[in-house]
C-alpha cells in the first residue's frame, strides 16, 4: 500500500491528484516548486514503474511543466528525480528565472524560506488558475480543502 514519505509530507503542501501521481507544493517561497509522487508502493526509480505507469508519469510531468511554465512565465523548467535524501520516487518541477537567486546553479542545498500565509494563498490562487478546469488531463484539486 502506498504511503507518502514523512519528509515529503513535512516539507510540502498537497495540491491535488493526477491519475497516477500526487502533486505537492514544496514549502519554499523562493521558487514555484512542485513535486509529482507516483502513488505506487515501494518504487524508488523510474524504471521500477510498469511501462504503462512510466508513460502516464511522463504525461503528467509534461502537462504540469507546461502549465507551470505558462502560469509563471518561466525562463526554464527544471525537472529532476534525485532521491538521494528521500528514496521514494518523486519528480521535482521547479520554475526558474535567469534573475533568480541561484541562477544558473541548482536550487539544492540552500535553506528553504517557508511560505507566509498570505504568500501561500497567492500561490494557491495562481496554481488553481493554472491547473484546474482543463479537460486534457484529469486533475483532482485538493489544496486548501479540509479533510
C-alpha atoms as a PDB file:
ATOM      1  CA  UNK A   1       0.000   0.000   0.000  1.00  0.00           C
ATOM      2  CA  UNK A   2       1.316   3.438  -0.953  1.00  0.00           C
ATOM      3  CA  UNK A   3       2.345   5.798   1.858  1.00  0.00           C
ATOM      4  CA  UNK A   4       3.837   9.235   1.345  1.00  0.00           C
ATOM      5  CA  UNK A   5       7.365   9.527   2.734  1.00  0.00           C
ATOM      6  CA  UNK A   6       7.277  11.550   6.004  1.00  0.00           C
ATOM      7  CA  UNK A   7       9.861  14.070   4.758  1.00  0.00           C
ATOM      8  CA  UNK A   8       7.788  14.851   1.665  1.00  0.00           C
ATOM      9  CA  UNK A   9       4.690  15.239   3.836  1.00  0.00           C
ATOM     10  CA  UNK A  10       6.521  17.561   6.244  1.00  0.00           C
ATOM     11  CA  UNK A  11       8.164  19.730   3.572  1.00  0.00           C
ATOM     12  CA  UNK A  12       5.200  20.265   1.239  1.00  0.00           C
ATOM     13  CA  UNK A  13       1.500  21.010   0.838  1.00  0.00           C
ATOM     14  CA  UNK A  14      -0.993  18.817  -1.002  1.00  0.00           C
ATOM     15  CA  UNK A  15      -2.106  20.435  -4.256  1.00  0.00           C
ATOM     16  CA  UNK A  16      -4.054  17.634  -5.925  1.00  0.00           C
ATOM     17  CA  UNK A  17      -4.152  14.226  -7.555  1.00  0.00           C
ATOM     18  CA  UNK A  18      -3.442  13.137 -11.104  1.00  0.00           C
ATOM     19  CA  UNK A  19      -4.491   9.648 -12.230  1.00  0.00           C
ATOM     20  CA  UNK A  20      -1.103   8.224 -11.127  1.00  0.00           C
ATOM     21  CA  UNK A  21       0.626  10.880  -9.054  1.00  0.00           C
ATOM     22  CA  UNK A  22       0.088  13.123  -6.086  1.00  0.00           C
ATOM     23  CA  UNK A  23       1.056  16.751  -6.699  1.00  0.00           C
ATOM     24  CA  UNK A  24       2.555  18.735  -3.809  1.00  0.00           C
ATOM     25  CA  UNK A  25       3.977  22.254  -3.383  1.00  0.00           C
ATOM     26  CA  UNK A  26       7.366  22.488  -1.656  1.00  0.00           C
ATOM     27  CA  UNK A  27       7.238  24.889   1.295  1.00  0.00           C
ATOM     28  CA  UNK A  28       9.892  27.233  -0.097  1.00  0.00           C
ATOM     29  CA  UNK A  29       8.704  30.580  -1.420  1.00  0.00           C
ATOM     30  CA  UNK A  30      11.963  31.220  -3.318  1.00  0.00           C
ATOM     31  CA  UNK A  31      10.720  29.183  -6.298  1.00  0.00           C
ATOM     32  CA  UNK A  32       7.430  27.825  -7.608  1.00  0.00           C
ATOM     33  CA  UNK A  33       8.371  24.207  -6.876  1.00  0.00           C
ATOM     34  CA  UNK A  34       6.022  21.259  -7.203  1.00  0.00           C
ATOM     35  CA  UNK A  35       6.508  17.530  -6.784  1.00  0.00           C
ATOM     36  CA  UNK A  36       4.891  14.617  -8.566  1.00  0.00           C
ATOM     37  CA  UNK A  37       4.904  11.440  -6.486  1.00  0.00           C
ATOM     38  CA  UNK A  38       3.551   8.294  -8.173  1.00  0.00           C
ATOM     39  CA  UNK A  39       1.168   6.501  -5.806  1.00  0.00           C
ATOM     40  CA  UNK A  40       2.910   3.144  -6.248  1.00  0.00           C
ATOM     41  CA  UNK A  41       4.278   1.390  -3.172  1.00  0.00           C
ATOM     42  CA  UNK A  42       7.985   0.671  -2.864  1.00  0.00           C
ATOM     43  CA  UNK A  43       9.149   2.439  -6.030  1.00  0.00           C
ATOM     44  CA  UNK A  44      12.478   4.270  -5.867  1.00  0.00           C
ATOM     45  CA  UNK A  45      13.389   4.520  -9.558  1.00  0.00           C
ATOM     46  CA  UNK A  46      11.523   5.382 -12.743  1.00  0.00           C
ATOM     47  CA  UNK A  47      12.406   2.026 -14.325  1.00  0.00           C
ATOM     48  CA  UNK A  48      10.643   0.225 -11.448  1.00  0.00           C
ATOM     49  CA  UNK A  49       7.281   1.546 -12.648  1.00  0.00           C
ATOM     50  CA  UNK A  50       5.339  -0.523 -15.153  1.00  0.00           C
ATOM     51  CA  UNK A  51       5.673   0.650 -18.758  1.00  0.00           C
ATOM     52  CA  UNK A  52       2.102   1.977 -18.583  1.00  0.00           C
ATOM     53  CA  UNK A  53       2.855   3.931 -15.402  1.00  0.00           C
ATOM     54  CA  UNK A  54       6.091   5.284 -16.905  1.00  0.00           C
ATOM     55  CA  UNK A  55       4.133   6.722 -19.819  1.00  0.00           C
ATOM     56  CA  UNK A  56       1.458   8.144 -17.510  1.00  0.00           C
ATOM     57  CA  UNK A  57       4.065   9.785 -15.263  1.00  0.00           C
ATOM     58  CA  UNK A  58       5.726  11.411 -18.275  1.00  0.00           C
ATOM     59  CA  UNK A  59       2.321  12.680 -19.476  1.00  0.00           C
ATOM     60  CA  UNK A  60       1.588  14.157 -16.039  1.00  0.00           C
ATOM     61  CA  UNK A  61       5.074  15.656 -15.754  1.00  0.00           C
ATOM     62  CA  UNK A  62       4.954  17.233 -19.209  1.00  0.00           C
ATOM     63  CA  UNK A  63       1.455  18.598 -18.609  1.00  0.00           C
ATOM     64  CA  UNK A  64       2.422  20.035 -15.212  1.00  0.00           C
ATOM     65  CA  UNK A  65       5.624  21.566 -16.605  1.00  0.00           C
ATOM     66  CA  UNK A  66       3.780  23.243 -19.454  1.00  0.00           C
ATOM     67  CA  UNK A  67       1.109  24.705 -17.150  1.00  0.00           C
ATOM     68  CA  UNK A  68       3.704  25.965 -14.654  1.00  0.00           C
ATOM     69  CA  UNK A  69       5.910  27.459 -17.380  1.00  0.00           C
ATOM     70  CA  UNK A  70       2.956  29.354 -18.804  1.00  0.00           C
ATOM     71  CA  UNK A  71       1.452  30.484 -15.472  1.00  0.00           C
ATOM     72  CA  UNK A  72       4.777  31.697 -14.062  1.00  0.00           C
ATOM     73  CA  UNK A  73       6.395  32.798 -17.346  1.00  0.00           C
ATOM     74  CA  UNK A  74       9.400  30.567 -16.676  1.00  0.00           C
ATOM     75  CA  UNK A  75      12.722  31.075 -18.379  1.00  0.00           C
ATOM     76  CA  UNK A  76      13.425  27.386 -17.750  1.00  0.00           C
ATOM     77  CA  UNK A  77      11.700  24.440 -16.101  1.00  0.00           C
ATOM     78  CA  UNK A  78      13.986  22.240 -14.006  1.00  0.00           C
ATOM     79  CA  UNK A  79      12.560  18.715 -13.787  1.00  0.00           C
ATOM     80  CA  UNK A  80      14.517  16.136 -11.820  1.00  0.00           C
ATOM     81  CA  UNK A  81      14.282  12.932  -9.823  1.00  0.00           C
ATOM     82  CA  UNK A  82      17.200  12.665  -7.397  1.00  0.00           C
ATOM     83  CA  UNK A  83      16.175  10.603  -4.386  1.00  0.00           C
ATOM     84  CA  UNK A  84      19.463  10.913  -2.510  1.00  0.00           C
ATOM     85  CA  UNK A  85      17.778  12.086   0.699  1.00  0.00           C
ATOM     86  CA  UNK A  86      14.232  10.758   0.142  1.00  0.00           C
ATOM     87  CA  UNK A  87      14.280   7.389  -1.634  1.00  0.00           C
ATOM     88  CA  UNK A  88      10.583   7.401  -2.628  1.00  0.00           C
ATOM     89  CA  UNK A  89      10.280   8.183  -6.352  1.00  0.00           C
ATOM     90  CA  UNK A  90       9.319  11.828  -6.823  1.00  0.00           C
ATOM     91  CA  UNK A  91       9.893  14.351  -9.589  1.00  0.00           C
ATOM     92  CA  UNK A  92      10.739  17.974  -8.816  1.00  0.00           C
ATOM     93  CA  UNK A  93       9.220  20.627 -11.125  1.00  0.00           C
ATOM     94  CA  UNK A  94      10.941  23.944 -10.418  1.00  0.00           C
ATOM     95  CA  UNK A  95      10.206  27.210 -12.210  1.00  0.00           C
ATOM     96  CA  UNK A  96      13.456  29.046 -12.884  1.00  0.00           C
ATOM     97  CA  UNK A  97      14.283  32.569 -13.970  1.00  0.00           C
ATOM     98  CA  UNK A  98      17.566  33.953 -15.258  1.00  0.00           C
ATOM     99  CA  UNK A  99      17.418  36.539 -12.466  1.00  0.00           C
ATOM    100  CA  UNK A 100      16.592  34.156  -9.599  1.00  0.00           C
ATOM    101  CA  UNK A 101      18.940  33.944  -6.613  1.00  0.00           C
ATOM    102  CA  UNK A 102      20.503  30.618  -7.681  1.00  0.00           C
ATOM    103  CA  UNK A 103      20.672  31.014 -11.485  1.00  0.00           C
ATOM    104  CA  UNK A 104      22.296  29.274 -13.288  1.00  0.00           C
ATOM    105  CA  UNK A 105      23.121  26.846 -10.471  1.00  0.00           C
ATOM    106  CA  UNK A 106      20.851  24.166  -8.998  1.00  0.00           C
ATOM    107  CA  UNK A 107      18.471  25.137  -6.193  1.00  0.00           C
ATOM    108  CA  UNK A 108      19.614  22.324  -3.874  1.00  0.00           C
ATOM    109  CA  UNK A 109      21.428  22.877  -0.607  1.00  0.00           C
ATOM    110  CA  UNK A 110      20.188  26.300   0.479  1.00  0.00           C
ATOM    111  CA  UNK A 111      17.793  26.600   3.413  1.00  0.00           C
ATOM    112  CA  UNK A 112      14.130  26.862   2.463  1.00  0.00           C
ATOM    113  CA  UNK A 113      12.215  30.059   3.120  1.00  0.00           C
ATOM    114  CA  UNK A 114       8.738  28.885   4.199  1.00  0.00           C
ATOM    115  CA  UNK A 115       5.634  30.499   2.772  1.00  0.00           C
ATOM    116  CA  UNK A 116       3.809  33.076   4.849  1.00  0.00           C
ATOM    117  CA  UNK A 117       0.059  32.515   4.947  1.00  0.00           C
ATOM    118  CA  UNK A 118      -0.546  35.471   2.612  1.00  0.00           C
ATOM    119  CA  UNK A 119       2.010  34.334   0.023  1.00  0.00           C
ATOM    120  CA  UNK A 120       0.737  30.749   0.244  1.00  0.00           C
ATOM    121  CA  UNK A 121      -2.793  31.975  -0.501  1.00  0.00           C
ATOM    122  CA  UNK A 122      -1.496  33.882  -3.543  1.00  0.00           C
ATOM    123  CA  UNK A 123       0.323  30.757  -4.726  1.00  0.00           C
ATOM    124  CA  UNK A 124      -2.839  28.707  -4.214  1.00  0.00           C
ATOM    125  CA  UNK A 125      -4.795  31.115  -6.426  1.00  0.00           C
ATOM    126  CA  UNK A 126      -2.138  31.039  -9.149  1.00  0.00           C
ATOM    127  CA  UNK A 127      -1.950  27.242  -9.089  1.00  0.00           C
ATOM    128  CA  UNK A 128      -5.726  26.954  -9.112  1.00  0.00           C
ATOM    129  CA  UNK A 129      -5.927  29.095 -12.243  1.00  0.00           C
ATOM    130  CA  UNK A 130      -3.106  27.129 -13.889  1.00  0.00           C
ATOM    131  CA  UNK A 131      -4.178  23.575 -13.058  1.00  0.00           C
ATOM    132  CA  UNK A 132      -7.955  23.416 -12.666  1.00  0.00           C
ATOM    133  CA  UNK A 133     -10.600  23.148 -15.337  1.00  0.00           C
ATOM    134  CA  UNK A 134      -8.558  21.586 -18.138  1.00  0.00           C
ATOM    135  CA  UNK A 135     -10.056  18.649 -19.981  1.00  0.00           C
ATOM    136  CA  UNK A 136      -6.800  17.337 -21.437  1.00  0.00           C
ATOM    137  CA  UNK A 137      -5.582  15.907 -18.098  1.00  0.00           C
ATOM    138  CA  UNK A 138      -7.692  14.715 -15.159  1.00  0.00           C
ATOM    139  CA  UNK A 139      -6.649  16.615 -12.033  1.00  0.00           C
ATOM    140  CA  UNK A 140      -8.448  16.491  -8.678  1.00  0.00           C
ATOM    141  CA  UNK A 141      -7.751  19.803  -6.887  1.00  0.00           C
ATOM    142  CA  UNK A 142      -7.168  19.382  -3.121  1.00  0.00           C
ATOM    143  CA  UNK A 143      -5.229  22.468  -1.995  1.00  0.00           C
ATOM    144  CA  UNK A 144      -6.962  24.393   0.761  1.00  0.00           C
ATOM    145  CA  UNK A 145      -9.551  21.676   1.380  1.00  0.00           C
ATOM    146  CA  UNK A 146     -10.032  20.489   4.929  1.00  0.00           C
ATOM    147  CA  UNK A 147     -10.156  16.755   5.467  1.00  0.00           C
END
